[in-house]
Protein backbone atom coordinates (compact mmCIF):
# COMPACT_ATOMS: atom_id res chain seq x y z
CA MET A 1 -30.60 335.53 -14.52
CA HIS A 2 -30.68 332.76 -12.10
CA THR A 3 -31.87 329.30 -13.08
CA ILE A 4 -33.80 327.09 -10.50
CA ALA A 5 -33.71 323.41 -10.69
CA VAL A 6 -36.82 321.70 -9.88
CA THR A 7 -36.59 318.31 -8.39
CA ARG A 8 -39.50 315.97 -9.33
CA PRO A 9 -40.25 312.47 -8.18
CA HIS A 10 -38.45 309.75 -9.88
CA TRP A 11 -41.64 308.54 -11.48
CA GLN A 12 -42.51 311.93 -13.00
CA THR A 13 -39.48 312.15 -15.31
CA GLU A 14 -39.38 308.26 -16.15
CA SER A 15 -42.17 306.58 -17.88
CA ASP A 16 -41.38 303.37 -15.89
CA ASP A 17 -44.08 301.26 -14.34
CA ARG A 18 -41.60 300.08 -11.87
CA ALA A 19 -40.92 303.32 -10.66
CA LEU A 20 -44.58 304.50 -10.42
CA ALA A 21 -45.48 301.19 -8.76
CA ALA A 22 -42.73 301.74 -6.17
CA ALA A 23 -43.86 305.37 -5.52
CA ALA A 24 -47.69 304.27 -5.33
CA ARG A 25 -46.63 301.46 -2.92
CA ASP A 26 -45.03 304.30 -0.84
CA GLY A 27 -48.28 306.22 -0.62
CA ASP A 28 -47.89 308.68 -3.69
CA ARG A 29 -51.62 308.83 -4.95
CA SER A 30 -50.53 310.76 -8.14
CA ALA A 31 -48.29 308.11 -8.93
CA TYR A 32 -51.06 305.43 -8.72
CA ALA A 33 -53.29 307.87 -10.66
CA VAL A 34 -50.74 307.68 -13.63
CA LEU A 35 -51.07 303.69 -13.34
CA ILE A 36 -54.70 304.15 -13.42
CA ALA A 37 -54.52 306.25 -16.71
CA ARG A 38 -52.00 303.94 -18.42
CA TYR A 39 -54.01 300.53 -17.66
CA ARG A 40 -57.65 301.74 -17.30
CA GLY A 41 -58.16 300.98 -21.33
CA MET A 42 -56.64 297.33 -20.91
CA ALA A 43 -58.42 296.43 -17.79
CA PHE A 44 -61.73 297.69 -19.42
CA ALA A 45 -61.12 295.88 -22.72
CA TYR A 46 -59.98 292.66 -21.02
CA SER A 47 -63.08 292.90 -18.83
CA LEU A 48 -65.54 293.44 -21.47
CA ALA A 49 -64.29 290.45 -23.50
CA ALA A 50 -64.51 288.36 -20.61
CA LEU A 51 -67.85 289.31 -19.25
CA GLY A 52 -69.68 290.42 -22.32
CA ASN A 53 -71.62 293.14 -20.36
CA ARG A 54 -70.50 296.85 -20.08
CA GLU A 55 -71.41 297.63 -16.49
CA GLU A 56 -70.27 294.48 -15.28
CA ALA A 57 -66.91 295.10 -17.04
CA GLU A 58 -66.77 298.63 -15.68
CA ASP A 59 -67.40 297.34 -12.20
CA ALA A 60 -64.71 294.76 -12.60
CA ALA A 61 -62.01 297.17 -13.99
CA GLN A 62 -62.84 299.62 -11.02
CA ASP A 63 -63.05 296.98 -8.34
CA ALA A 64 -59.71 295.40 -9.72
CA PHE A 65 -58.15 299.28 -9.29
CA VAL A 66 -59.55 299.60 -5.71
CA GLN A 67 -58.06 296.00 -4.88
CA ALA A 68 -54.74 296.66 -6.31
CA TYR A 69 -54.59 299.98 -4.48
CA SER A 70 -55.39 298.25 -1.11
CA ALA A 71 -52.81 295.73 -1.88
CA MET A 72 -49.95 297.99 -3.05
CA PRO A 73 -48.00 297.76 0.31
CA ARG A 74 -47.59 294.02 -0.34
CA PHE A 75 -46.52 294.76 -3.89
CA ASP A 76 -42.75 294.27 -4.72
CA PRO A 77 -41.91 296.02 -7.72
CA ASN A 78 -38.40 294.08 -7.83
CA ARG A 79 -40.01 290.90 -7.85
CA ALA A 80 -42.89 291.26 -10.29
CA GLU A 81 -43.99 293.84 -13.14
CA TRP A 82 -46.99 295.89 -12.00
CA ALA A 83 -48.61 295.21 -15.27
CA ALA A 84 -48.56 291.40 -15.27
CA TRP A 85 -49.74 291.73 -11.30
CA PHE A 86 -52.33 294.07 -11.93
CA MET A 87 -53.91 292.12 -14.88
CA ARG A 88 -54.13 289.14 -12.68
CA ILE A 89 -56.07 290.92 -10.22
CA VAL A 90 -58.30 292.01 -13.34
CA ARG A 91 -58.78 288.24 -14.39
CA ASN A 92 -59.73 287.15 -10.76
CA ARG A 93 -62.23 290.21 -10.78
CA CYS A 94 -63.69 288.60 -13.90
CA ARG A 95 -63.89 285.29 -12.91
CA ASP A 96 -65.54 286.33 -9.70
CA GLY A 97 -68.14 288.13 -11.72
CA LEU A 98 -68.69 285.03 -13.87
CA ARG A 99 -68.88 282.83 -10.76
CA ARG A 100 -71.70 285.13 -9.48
CA ARG A 101 -73.46 285.15 -12.93
CA LYS A 102 -73.95 281.27 -12.57
CA THR A 103 -76.55 281.93 -10.35
CA ARG A 104 -78.46 284.21 -12.88
CA ARG A 105 -79.18 284.26 -16.38
CA PRO A 106 -76.29 285.73 -18.45
CA ALA A 107 -76.78 288.79 -20.16
CA GLU A 108 -76.47 288.53 -23.81
CA MET A 109 -73.99 291.07 -25.89
CA PRO A 110 -76.09 293.09 -27.98
CA LEU A 111 -76.19 292.54 -31.72
CA GLU A 112 -75.12 295.16 -33.98
CA ILE A 113 -78.10 296.18 -36.34
CA MET A 114 -77.25 297.31 -39.97
CA ASP A 115 -79.31 299.82 -41.73
CA GLU A 116 -80.98 296.98 -43.53
CA ALA A 117 -81.83 295.10 -40.60
CA PRO A 118 -81.67 291.27 -41.08
CA GLY A 119 -84.93 288.99 -40.51
CA PRO A 120 -85.36 287.15 -37.38
CA GLU A 121 -83.99 284.06 -38.83
CA ALA A 122 -80.85 285.71 -39.75
CA VAL A 123 -80.48 287.44 -36.44
CA THR A 124 -81.06 284.20 -34.84
CA MET A 125 -78.49 282.28 -36.78
CA ALA A 126 -75.85 284.99 -36.40
CA ASP A 127 -76.44 284.98 -32.53
CA ASP A 128 -76.22 281.31 -32.32
CA ARG A 129 -72.85 281.33 -34.32
CA ARG A 130 -71.64 283.95 -32.11
CA ARG A 131 -72.65 282.04 -28.93
CA VAL A 132 -70.98 278.75 -30.42
CA LEU A 133 -67.73 280.84 -31.12
CA MET A 134 -67.67 282.77 -27.62
CA GLN A 135 -68.28 279.11 -25.82
CA ALA A 136 -65.28 277.72 -27.98
CA VAL A 137 -63.01 280.76 -26.96
CA ALA A 138 -64.04 280.40 -23.39
CA ALA A 139 -63.03 276.54 -23.60
CA LEU A 140 -59.39 277.54 -24.75
CA PRO A 141 -56.63 277.43 -22.14
CA GLU A 142 -56.34 280.86 -20.31
CA ALA A 143 -52.99 281.48 -21.85
CA GLN A 144 -54.48 281.49 -25.27
CA ARG A 145 -57.89 282.88 -24.37
CA VAL A 146 -56.62 286.04 -22.52
CA PRO A 147 -54.48 287.27 -25.42
CA LEU A 148 -57.07 286.13 -28.14
CA LEU A 149 -59.79 288.39 -26.15
CA LEU A 150 -57.34 291.29 -25.51
CA HIS A 151 -56.33 291.24 -29.18
CA TYR A 152 -59.36 290.74 -30.96
CA ALA A 153 -62.14 292.06 -28.70
CA GLY A 154 -60.00 294.68 -26.91
CA GLY A 155 -58.01 295.95 -29.96
CA LYS A 156 -54.72 295.61 -28.17
CA THR A 157 -51.44 295.23 -29.84
CA ARG A 158 -49.08 292.36 -29.21
CA VAL A 159 -46.49 294.47 -27.58
CA GLU A 160 -49.28 295.94 -25.17
CA ILE A 161 -50.47 292.35 -24.32
CA ALA A 162 -46.92 291.04 -23.72
CA HIS A 163 -46.45 294.26 -21.35
CA ALA A 164 -49.46 293.66 -19.40
CA LEU A 165 -49.05 289.93 -19.12
CA GLY A 166 -45.25 290.16 -18.28
CA VAL A 167 -44.14 287.77 -21.12
CA PRO A 168 -42.22 288.25 -24.22
CA GLU A 169 -44.10 289.41 -27.35
CA SER A 170 -43.02 286.23 -29.27
CA THR A 171 -45.00 284.39 -26.37
CA ILE A 172 -48.15 286.31 -27.27
CA ILE A 173 -47.51 285.79 -30.94
CA GLY A 174 -47.27 281.94 -30.10
CA ARG A 175 -50.34 282.03 -27.87
CA LEU A 176 -52.34 283.86 -30.56
CA ALA A 177 -51.28 281.52 -33.48
CA GLY A 178 -51.98 278.59 -31.05
CA GLY A 179 -55.58 279.69 -30.04
CA LEU A 180 -56.40 280.56 -33.75
CA LYS A 181 -55.41 277.23 -34.85
CA THR A 182 -57.40 275.56 -32.33
CA LEU A 183 -60.59 277.54 -33.44
CA ARG A 184 -59.92 276.79 -36.98
CA ARG A 185 -59.73 273.28 -36.19
CA ARG A 186 -62.92 273.26 -34.32
CA PHE A 187 -64.76 275.20 -36.96
CA GLY A 188 -62.98 274.11 -40.11
CA GLY A 189 -65.28 275.17 -43.09
CA GLU A 190 -67.99 276.65 -40.92
CA GLY A 191 -66.97 280.15 -41.89
CA LEU A 192 -66.67 281.28 -38.31
CA ILE A 193 -62.99 281.83 -38.12
């Protein structure tokens, strides 16, 4: 019985983003599809946290993938990590969405209504607290705001965030702690944090 060795592209045998990005840059669409599958959740989670609207978040994430694909010939995997480069595109798409939104009234994030629906006063108070908290989060420096949104609103781990932003996990831990400290100082005994 003879064994036939099958040679696969480098990225199919290695789960390395650098190899995938290099293959995608060279025109391999299936390599880019793997990158999309890996980063779809992260892109959507960040976009939803930043924009607060599901449809806009889906559009921003999709636009980021299209923009990244168009820019792949200029991407150098030896100079930058694909995840950090791609997440920078996602952040820019979200900023564009927020700038466009300034010309129209922002859509509110829907409130979760429990089985025993609160009265109108409680809903208004909860909405006000959420709005104040979101404004405070939005006022944080980007280095703190992005990890906070990805971790608490997007459910991403510190390791996933560090990988996506191209920084060490210890940096993410520090940024999360710094952002929470700032928010706690801001809201002290108000029970928001």
